[in-house]
Every structure is written in C-alpha cells, then in structure tokens.
C-alpha cells in the first residue's frame, strides 16, 4: 500500500522523488501523463473541471490526443477476423 501525501504544497521535483522517478518532471509532463492515463475513463465534464478549462471544447480537443479507443477497436477488429 502506498502512503498518501497532501501534494498541494509539493513541487513536481518533490513528487518525483516521492514516486522514485529519476527523471525531470515538469507540469507539462504531469498534465500529459494525467491526460494519457485518464483517456476515456473520466467523463469529459469532470476532466474540464480538473484541467480548469473554461470551455469544454478545449478539454475535448486536448483529450482527443489521448483517446485511442476507436483506433484500438478498429485494429482489434482487423486482427480478430
């Protein structure tokens, strides 16, 4: 089990050390990692709030870079002929 920390007062460097990540972590990398993990698992309205986007179209556009479910399904259909 992982120990939980209040990360609101930590820098990305601190969080990387806690997670034992030996690479430089930036806010940009963190945001992209979250988007990639979230994929289509979190409703877009919730993601809008988490990203603090004022316009949902911004969130939809941003998440479109991470949602590969349609591509994966199409590929599986070809492979499972």
C-alpha atoms as a PDB file:
ATOM      1  CA  UNK A   1       0.000   0.000   0.000  1.00  0.00           C
ATOM      2  CA  UNK A   2       1.195   3.484  -0.820  1.00  0.00           C
ATOM      3  CA  UNK A   3       1.437   6.214   1.773  1.00  0.00           C
ATOM      4  CA  UNK A   4      -0.785   9.154   0.860  1.00  0.00           C
ATOM      5  CA  UNK A   5       0.608  12.693   0.960  1.00  0.00           C
ATOM      6  CA  UNK A   6      -1.048  16.077   0.675  1.00  0.00           C
ATOM      7  CA  UNK A   7       0.733  17.038  -2.555  1.00  0.00           C
ATOM      8  CA  UNK A   8      -0.758  20.548  -2.754  1.00  0.00           C
ATOM      9  CA  UNK A   9       2.380  22.001  -1.185  1.00  0.00           C
ATOM     10  CA  UNK A  10       4.902  19.847  -3.082  1.00  0.00           C
ATOM     11  CA  UNK A  11       6.838  20.788  -6.192  1.00  0.00           C
ATOM     12  CA  UNK A  12       6.957  18.426  -9.164  1.00  0.00           C
ATOM     13  CA  UNK A  13      10.539  17.638  -8.139  1.00  0.00           C
ATOM     14  CA  UNK A  14       9.359  16.628  -4.649  1.00  0.00           C
ATOM     15  CA  UNK A  15       6.601  14.444  -6.069  1.00  0.00           C
ATOM     16  CA  UNK A  16       9.027  12.767  -8.478  1.00  0.00           C
ATOM     17  CA  UNK A  17      11.326  11.947  -5.559  1.00  0.00           C
ATOM     18  CA  UNK A  18       8.412  10.526  -3.522  1.00  0.00           C
ATOM     19  CA  UNK A  19       7.399   8.392  -6.516  1.00  0.00           C
ATOM     20  CA  UNK A  20      11.037   7.339  -7.023  1.00  0.00           C
ATOM     21  CA  UNK A  21      11.107   8.782 -10.545  1.00  0.00           C
ATOM     22  CA  UNK A  22      14.648   9.665 -11.514  1.00  0.00           C
ATOM     23  CA  UNK A  23      13.732  11.857 -14.499  1.00  0.00           C
ATOM     24  CA  UNK A  24      12.943  15.562 -14.531  1.00  0.00           C
ATOM     25  CA  UNK A  25       9.169  16.011 -14.166  1.00  0.00           C
ATOM     26  CA  UNK A  26       7.557  19.257 -15.296  1.00  0.00           C
ATOM     27  CA  UNK A  27       3.979  20.487 -15.015  1.00  0.00           C
ATOM     28  CA  UNK A  28       3.644  19.899 -18.762  1.00  0.00           C
ATOM     29  CA  UNK A  29       4.767  16.269 -18.467  1.00  0.00           C
ATOM     30  CA  UNK A  30       2.499  15.754 -15.453  1.00  0.00           C
ATOM     31  CA  UNK A  31      -0.508  17.153 -17.307  1.00  0.00           C
ATOM     32  CA  UNK A  32       0.139  14.977 -20.368  1.00  0.00           C
ATOM     33  CA  UNK A  33       0.681  11.893 -18.220  1.00  0.00           C
ATOM     34  CA  UNK A  34      -2.624  12.512 -16.465  1.00  0.00           C
ATOM     35  CA  UNK A  35      -4.417  13.044 -19.785  1.00  0.00           C
ATOM     36  CA  UNK A  36      -2.975   9.854 -21.184  1.00  0.00           C
ATOM     37  CA  UNK A  37      -3.948   7.816 -18.117  1.00  0.00           C
ATOM     38  CA  UNK A  38      -7.430   9.385 -17.935  1.00  0.00           C
ATOM     39  CA  UNK A  39      -8.101   8.574 -21.599  1.00  0.00           C
ATOM     40  CA  UNK A  40     -11.800   7.849 -21.850  1.00  0.00           C
ATOM     41  CA  UNK A  41     -12.115   6.634 -18.243  1.00  0.00           C
ATOM     42  CA  UNK A  42     -13.162  10.013 -16.784  1.00  0.00           C
ATOM     43  CA  UNK A  43     -16.196  11.937 -18.117  1.00  0.00           C
ATOM     44  CA  UNK A  44     -15.211  14.988 -20.140  1.00  0.00           C
ATOM     45  CA  UNK A  45     -17.165  17.318 -17.832  1.00  0.00           C
ATOM     46  CA  UNK A  46     -15.097  16.129 -14.861  1.00  0.00           C
ATOM     47  CA  UNK A  47     -11.878  16.499 -16.846  1.00  0.00           C
ATOM     48  CA  UNK A  48     -12.901  20.054 -17.731  1.00  0.00           C
ATOM     49  CA  UNK A  49     -13.067  20.845 -14.010  1.00  0.00           C
ATOM     50  CA  UNK A  50      -9.811  19.046 -13.238  1.00  0.00           C
ATOM     51  CA  UNK A  51      -7.972  20.847 -16.055  1.00  0.00           C
ATOM     52  CA  UNK A  52      -9.711  24.113 -15.087  1.00  0.00           C
ATOM     53  CA  UNK A  53     -10.740  24.743 -18.692  1.00  0.00           C
ATOM     54  CA  UNK A  54     -13.451  27.386 -19.051  1.00  0.00           C
ATOM     55  CA  UNK A  55     -14.648  25.960 -22.387  1.00  0.00           C
ATOM     56  CA  UNK A  56     -15.431  22.263 -22.747  1.00  0.00           C
ATOM     57  CA  UNK A  57     -14.290  22.306 -26.381  1.00  0.00           C
ATOM     58  CA  UNK A  58     -10.759  22.953 -25.087  1.00  0.00           C
ATOM     59  CA  UNK A  59     -10.992  19.805 -22.957  1.00  0.00           C
ATOM     60  CA  UNK A  60     -12.411  17.758 -25.829  1.00  0.00           C
ATOM     61  CA  UNK A  61      -9.614  18.908 -28.124  1.00  0.00           C
ATOM     62  CA  UNK A  62      -6.964  18.241 -25.500  1.00  0.00           C
ATOM     63  CA  UNK A  63      -8.252  14.762 -24.659  1.00  0.00           C
ATOM     64  CA  UNK A  64      -8.579  13.810 -28.318  1.00  0.00           C
ATOM     65  CA  UNK A  65      -4.788  13.403 -28.309  1.00  0.00           C
ATOM     66  CA  UNK A  66      -5.069  10.670 -25.666  1.00  0.00           C
ATOM     67  CA  UNK A  67      -8.219   8.716 -26.567  1.00  0.00           C
ATOM     68  CA  UNK A  68      -7.159   5.816 -28.765  1.00  0.00           C
ATOM     69  CA  UNK A  69     -10.141   3.553 -28.017  1.00  0.00           C
ATOM     70  CA  UNK A  70     -11.642   3.851 -31.522  1.00  0.00           C
ATOM     71  CA  UNK A  71      -8.288   3.125 -33.139  1.00  0.00           C
ATOM     72  CA  UNK A  72      -7.677   0.191 -30.789  1.00  0.00           C
ATOM     73  CA  UNK A  73     -11.133  -1.250 -31.520  1.00  0.00           C
ATOM     74  CA  UNK A  74     -10.613  -0.937 -35.291  1.00  0.00           C
ATOM     75  CA  UNK A  75      -7.235  -2.657 -35.059  1.00  0.00           C
ATOM     76  CA  UNK A  76      -8.689  -5.443 -32.908  1.00  0.00           C
ATOM     77  CA  UNK A  77     -11.455  -5.964 -35.485  1.00  0.00           C
ATOM     78  CA  UNK A  78      -8.827  -6.463 -38.186  1.00  0.00           C
ATOM     79  CA  UNK A  79      -6.705  -8.785 -36.041  1.00  0.00           C
ATOM     80  CA  UNK A  80      -9.722 -10.829 -34.882  1.00  0.00           C
ATOM     81  CA  UNK A  81     -11.110 -11.521 -38.359  1.00  0.00           C
END
